[in-house]
Structure formats: structure tokens, C-alpha cells
């Protein structure tokens, strides 16, 4: 009796990755980012990392309010600004009025930072989505791009935690810089009286920012055919443009 022909078997399909919970995606952003960003194809929800970023942001703001005070932050900002000499010539009542206005504005903006961050994430996601679509021919859905930006910004909670710890540990109120509270970049060690442009560009060499740039690049690479190195370069290039613009404006109005 002739043996029955053996059925031809095709290639074994690759097993699908198990879906990740929100907690697992947040954790993997730090230890295995490719897993998180690949899972965004299944579910591009970004509310959990945004809430976490918001919580650490408000913790840092609370620490500033309690340990430094927004009135002192406002006074320091005026002293370091180009209008310091003009401010010193004002009568005491006008000085107090300007400090009060600046203090209230700074307080409202600071406590509203979670909403402001969300708007910034939306703007960054739009720029990155268009850049990868037009310059790299990458068809990344916008909702995935938005989630990539929010998850890629999670290293900011490390900066927020370090900033809050340093504030509660005790810092010099007059020397505190709310925009650069911990030594994660060379600008932290530079004199405010020096070049605003050089200090602004030195702040771009920030450990937290570079970490986020790499994560966002990995995220776009995981959801497109763009090489990881190319994706990181694209994100880094936009960050450099942003820092150059900011440093130039700071130098122009100093």
C-alpha cells in the first residue's frame, strides 16, 4: 500500500505578542521601550502616562510653592531679565504691583502645567506626524504619533521627582531656576550673567531630554519602516531647531 503524501507545511506564523496593560506599558517604556511602542498599534491610548506626568509635574510645582514661593521666583526672574535696571528705578508701589502680577501669572501657569503639557504634546505630535509622513514616507496614524510623544515624555517624571527632592532637601531660593532645577545638563553650572545663547544651547545637552528623544525615535521606528537611527536623528533635529530658536530669542532680548 502506497504511503499517503505528507501535507506540505508553510512557515510557522510568528506568535502575536500578548497585549500589555497600561502599567506594563509605562514600566516597559523605561526597560523595554520597543514592547510599549509596538503595543500602541493595538491600543493608542495615552491617558495613563499623561496622568503620571501631570502628577509629578504638580508635585514639583507644589514643592516650589512651599519651599521657594512664587513671589521669590518672580523677583529672581525680574532680577535676571533685561528689564532689571528699569524695574529698580520704579517707585516701590509699582515694583510691588509688577511682582504681584508676575507672581499670580506664574502660579496659574505652573499649576496649569498638565493642561499646557497636553497642548504641547499635541503640537509636537502634529509636527512629528507630518515630518515622518512627508520626509520619510512613514504612514503612522496620528493617534499612534500622539501616544508615542506622551509615552516618550515619561522620563520627565524623573526630572520632576529629582526637582522636588532637591527643593525639599533645601536649595538657595535666590539661586533657584525653575526651568533648570537639577544638574542634568551643563547649563545648570553656568552663570546667569554670561551669554544667554551659550547657556540656552548648553541646556540642550540634557540627560532627560536626550532620553526622551531616543524613546520617541524608537516609537516612530517601531510603527513605520523608518530605521531606528534615522527616526532618532529626525526627532533630534527638531529638538535642536527648537533650542536654537529659544537660545536666539533669549540672547536677542537679554
Protein backbone atom coordinates (compact mmCIF):
# COMPACT_ATOMS: atom_id res chain seq x y z
CA UNK A 1 0.00 0.00 0.00
CA UNK A 2 1.44 3.34 -1.05
CA UNK A 3 2.16 5.78 1.69
CA UNK A 4 -0.04 8.86 1.77
CA UNK A 5 1.79 12.03 0.78
CA UNK A 6 2.72 14.20 3.71
CA UNK A 7 0.90 17.54 3.81
CA UNK A 8 3.11 20.46 2.96
CA UNK A 9 3.53 22.81 5.86
CA UNK A 10 4.06 26.52 5.37
CA UNK A 11 6.15 28.75 7.58
CA UNK A 12 5.03 28.90 11.18
CA UNK A 13 3.34 32.24 11.81
CA UNK A 14 5.06 34.43 14.36
CA UNK A 15 3.20 34.36 17.66
CA UNK A 16 1.31 37.54 18.45
CA UNK A 17 2.59 39.50 21.42
CA UNK A 18 0.31 39.48 24.42
CA UNK A 19 -1.46 42.81 24.93
CA UNK A 20 0.06 45.00 27.62
CA UNK A 21 -1.74 46.68 30.46
CA UNK A 22 -1.29 50.42 30.98
CA UNK A 23 1.01 49.74 33.93
CA UNK A 24 3.11 47.32 31.89
CA UNK A 25 3.39 49.84 29.05
CA UNK A 26 4.58 52.55 31.42
CA UNK A 27 7.15 50.22 33.02
CA UNK A 28 8.36 48.90 29.66
CA UNK A 29 8.88 52.44 28.41
CA UNK A 30 11.87 52.52 30.77
CA UNK A 31 13.13 48.94 30.48
CA UNK A 32 11.86 47.58 27.12
CA UNK A 33 10.52 50.51 25.07
CA UNK A 34 10.03 48.54 21.86
CA UNK A 35 7.34 46.45 23.57
CA UNK A 36 5.42 49.55 24.62
CA UNK A 37 5.61 51.32 21.27
CA UNK A 38 4.73 48.18 19.31
CA UNK A 39 1.67 47.73 21.54
CA UNK A 40 0.46 51.19 20.51
CA UNK A 41 -0.68 49.63 17.22
CA UNK A 42 -3.25 47.68 19.22
CA UNK A 43 -4.30 50.49 21.52
CA UNK A 44 -3.02 54.05 21.15
CA UNK A 45 -4.37 55.23 24.49
CA UNK A 46 -2.14 57.86 26.16
CA UNK A 47 -4.17 58.99 29.19
CA UNK A 48 -2.26 56.87 31.77
CA UNK A 49 1.24 58.27 31.05
CA UNK A 50 -0.21 61.78 30.80
CA UNK A 51 -1.81 61.44 34.25
CA UNK A 52 1.50 60.21 35.65
CA UNK A 53 3.39 63.12 34.06
CA UNK A 54 0.74 65.51 35.42
CA UNK A 55 1.08 64.11 38.95
CA UNK A 56 4.86 64.54 39.04
CA UNK A 57 4.58 67.98 37.45
CA UNK A 58 2.17 69.13 40.16
CA UNK A 59 4.41 67.61 42.84
CA UNK A 60 7.29 69.74 41.58
CA UNK A 61 5.09 72.85 41.42
CA UNK A 62 3.85 72.23 44.97
CA UNK A 63 7.44 71.87 46.18
CA UNK A 64 8.35 75.18 44.52
CA UNK A 65 5.35 76.91 46.06
CA UNK A 66 6.08 75.55 49.53
CA UNK A 67 9.87 75.77 49.65
CA UNK A 68 10.59 78.85 47.49
CA UNK A 69 7.34 80.73 46.92
CA UNK A 70 6.19 82.20 43.63
CA UNK A 71 6.86 85.72 44.89
CA UNK A 72 10.56 84.90 45.28
CA UNK A 73 10.61 83.12 41.92
CA UNK A 74 9.10 86.24 40.32
CA UNK A 75 11.63 88.55 41.98
CA UNK A 76 14.52 86.35 40.81
CA UNK A 77 13.14 86.23 37.25
CA UNK A 78 12.93 90.04 37.14
CA UNK A 79 16.47 90.43 38.51
CA UNK A 80 17.80 88.14 35.77
CA UNK A 81 15.82 89.78 32.98
CA UNK A 82 16.81 92.59 30.62
CA UNK A 83 14.41 94.95 32.41
CA UNK A 84 16.11 94.65 35.82
CA UNK A 85 17.61 98.16 35.69
CA UNK A 86 14.32 99.67 34.58
CA UNK A 87 12.49 97.82 37.38
CA UNK A 88 14.90 99.15 40.03
CA UNK A 89 14.07 102.75 39.02
CA UNK A 90 10.35 102.29 39.60
CA UNK A 91 8.65 103.51 42.80
CA UNK A 92 8.10 100.86 45.47
CA UNK A 93 4.35 100.65 44.84
CA UNK A 94 4.86 99.98 41.12
CA UNK A 95 7.53 97.39 41.88
CA UNK A 96 5.15 95.58 44.24
CA UNK A 97 2.38 95.74 41.65
CA UNK A 98 4.58 94.20 38.94
CA UNK A 99 5.78 91.48 41.29
CA UNK A 100 2.17 90.70 42.28
CA UNK A 101 1.07 90.43 38.64
CA UNK A 102 4.07 88.27 37.72
CA UNK A 103 3.57 86.08 40.79
CA UNK A 104 -0.11 85.41 40.04
CA UNK A 105 0.61 84.69 36.37
CA UNK A 106 3.46 82.31 37.26
CA UNK A 107 1.34 80.49 39.84
CA UNK A 108 -1.61 79.95 37.47
CA UNK A 109 0.64 78.80 34.63
CA UNK A 110 2.58 76.45 36.93
CA UNK A 111 -0.48 74.76 38.39
CA UNK A 112 -1.96 74.55 34.91
CA UNK A 113 1.14 72.80 33.59
CA UNK A 114 -0.62 69.43 32.99
CA UNK A 115 -3.03 71.07 30.53
CA UNK A 116 -0.24 73.12 28.95
CA UNK A 117 1.84 69.94 28.58
CA UNK A 118 -1.07 68.23 26.83
CA UNK A 119 -1.30 71.10 24.33
CA UNK A 120 2.46 70.94 23.76
CA UNK A 121 2.28 67.16 23.24
CA UNK A 122 -0.43 67.73 20.63
CA UNK A 123 1.69 70.29 18.79
CA UNK A 124 4.79 68.08 18.87
CA UNK A 125 2.78 65.07 17.69
CA UNK A 126 1.43 67.11 14.76
CA UNK A 127 4.90 68.27 13.71
CA UNK A 128 6.40 64.78 14.03
CA UNK A 129 3.48 63.10 12.26
CA UNK A 130 3.78 65.49 9.32
CA UNK A 131 7.58 65.23 9.23
CA UNK A 132 7.64 61.44 9.17
CA UNK A 133 4.81 61.36 6.62
CA UNK A 134 6.28 63.91 4.21
CA UNK A 135 10.03 63.48 4.71
CA UNK A 136 10.27 59.77 5.50
CA UNK A 137 7.10 58.44 3.80
CA UNK A 138 6.05 56.86 7.09
CA UNK A 139 2.34 56.12 7.45
CA UNK A 140 1.99 56.37 11.22
CA UNK A 141 -1.60 57.01 12.37
CA UNK A 142 -1.88 60.34 14.17
CA UNK A 143 -3.29 58.73 17.32
CA UNK A 144 -0.19 56.49 17.46
CA UNK A 145 2.04 59.53 16.96
CA UNK A 146 0.30 61.30 19.85
CA UNK A 147 0.68 58.28 22.13
CA UNK A 148 4.34 57.96 21.10
CA UNK A 149 5.02 61.55 22.16
CA UNK A 150 3.30 61.14 25.52
CA UNK A 151 4.96 57.83 26.36
CA UNK A 152 8.29 59.17 25.09
CA UNK A 153 7.97 62.09 27.51
CA UNK A 154 7.79 59.82 30.58
CA UNK A 155 11.46 60.43 31.53
CA UNK A 156 10.22 63.87 32.56
CA UNK A 157 8.82 62.31 35.73
CA UNK A 158 12.41 61.52 36.75
CA UNK A 159 13.28 65.20 36.37
CA UNK A 160 10.17 66.21 38.31
CA UNK A 161 10.97 63.80 41.13
CA UNK A 162 14.59 64.95 41.34
CA UNK A 163 13.49 68.58 41.32
CA UNK A 164 11.00 68.03 44.14
CA UNK A 165 13.57 66.12 46.20
CA UNK A 166 16.15 68.88 45.80
CA UNK A 167 13.59 71.50 46.83
CA UNK A 168 12.51 69.65 49.96
CA UNK A 169 16.17 68.96 50.77
CA UNK A 170 16.81 72.72 50.75
CA UNK A 171 18.07 74.97 47.96
CA UNK A 172 19.15 78.59 47.75
CA UNK A 173 15.89 80.47 46.98
CA UNK A 174 17.68 83.28 45.13
CA UNK A 175 19.72 80.90 43.01
CA UNK A 176 16.89 78.54 42.09
CA UNK A 177 15.99 78.22 38.40
CA UNK A 178 12.55 76.61 37.87
CA UNK A 179 13.44 75.90 34.22
CA UNK A 180 16.63 74.05 35.18
CA UNK A 181 16.21 72.81 38.77
CA UNK A 182 18.67 69.88 38.80
CA UNK A 183 22.10 69.19 37.33
CA UNK A 184 21.03 67.19 34.29
CA UNK A 185 22.78 69.48 31.80
CA UNK A 186 25.84 71.79 31.66
CA UNK A 187 23.73 74.98 31.80
CA UNK A 188 22.91 74.22 35.44
CA UNK A 189 26.51 75.11 36.36
CA UNK A 190 26.75 78.25 34.21
CA UNK A 191 26.48 81.85 35.40
CA UNK A 192 23.26 83.68 34.55
CA UNK A 193 25.32 86.79 33.80
CA UNK A 194 27.04 85.03 30.89
CA UNK A 195 25.85 84.55 27.31
CA UNK A 196 22.15 83.67 27.16
CA UNK A 197 22.68 81.94 23.81
CA UNK A 198 25.51 79.72 25.08
CA UNK A 199 23.56 78.86 28.22
CA UNK A 200 20.47 78.05 26.19
CA UNK A 201 22.37 75.74 23.87
CA UNK A 202 24.17 74.11 26.79
CA UNK A 203 20.77 73.21 28.24
CA UNK A 204 20.09 71.11 25.13
CA UNK A 205 22.69 68.61 26.34
CA UNK A 206 20.20 67.44 28.92
CA UNK A 207 20.11 63.82 30.01
CA UNK A 208 16.31 63.76 30.39
CA UNK A 209 15.72 65.43 27.01
CA UNK A 210 18.12 63.10 25.19
CA UNK A 211 16.42 60.13 26.84
CA UNK A 212 13.04 61.31 25.53
CA UNK A 213 14.45 61.96 22.05
CA UNK A 214 15.72 58.39 21.84
CA UNK A 215 12.41 56.97 23.10
CA UNK A 216 10.32 58.98 20.64
CA UNK A 217 12.63 57.92 17.80
CA UNK A 218 12.23 54.28 18.82
CA UNK A 219 8.46 54.76 18.93
CA UNK A 220 8.22 56.06 15.38
CA UNK A 221 10.61 53.37 14.14
CA UNK A 222 8.51 50.63 15.75
CA UNK A 223 5.40 51.82 13.92
CA UNK A 224 6.89 52.51 10.49
CA UNK A 225 9.55 51.25 8.10
CA UNK A 226 11.92 54.04 9.10
CA UNK A 227 15.23 52.86 10.56
CA UNK A 228 15.65 53.49 14.27
CA UNK A 229 18.76 55.62 13.80
CA UNK A 230 17.04 57.74 11.14
CA UNK A 231 13.97 58.25 13.34
CA UNK A 232 16.10 59.38 16.28
CA UNK A 233 18.00 61.82 14.04
CA UNK A 234 14.72 63.33 12.80
CA UNK A 235 13.47 63.87 16.35
CA UNK A 236 16.84 65.24 17.49
CA UNK A 237 16.95 67.66 14.55
CA UNK A 238 13.61 69.20 15.51
CA UNK A 239 14.74 69.46 19.14
CA UNK A 240 17.88 71.27 18.01
CA UNK A 241 15.82 73.70 15.91
CA UNK A 242 13.65 74.40 18.97
CA UNK A 243 16.66 75.02 21.22
CA UNK A 244 18.37 77.23 18.64
CA UNK A 245 15.24 79.36 18.32
CA UNK A 246 14.84 79.62 22.08
CA UNK A 247 18.50 80.48 22.70
CA UNK A 248 18.47 83.07 19.92
CA UNK A 249 15.38 84.77 21.32
CA UNK A 250 16.84 84.76 24.83
CA UNK A 251 20.03 86.37 23.52
CA UNK A 252 18.12 88.93 21.47
CA UNK A 253 16.07 90.14 24.44
CA UNK A 254 18.85 89.99 27.04
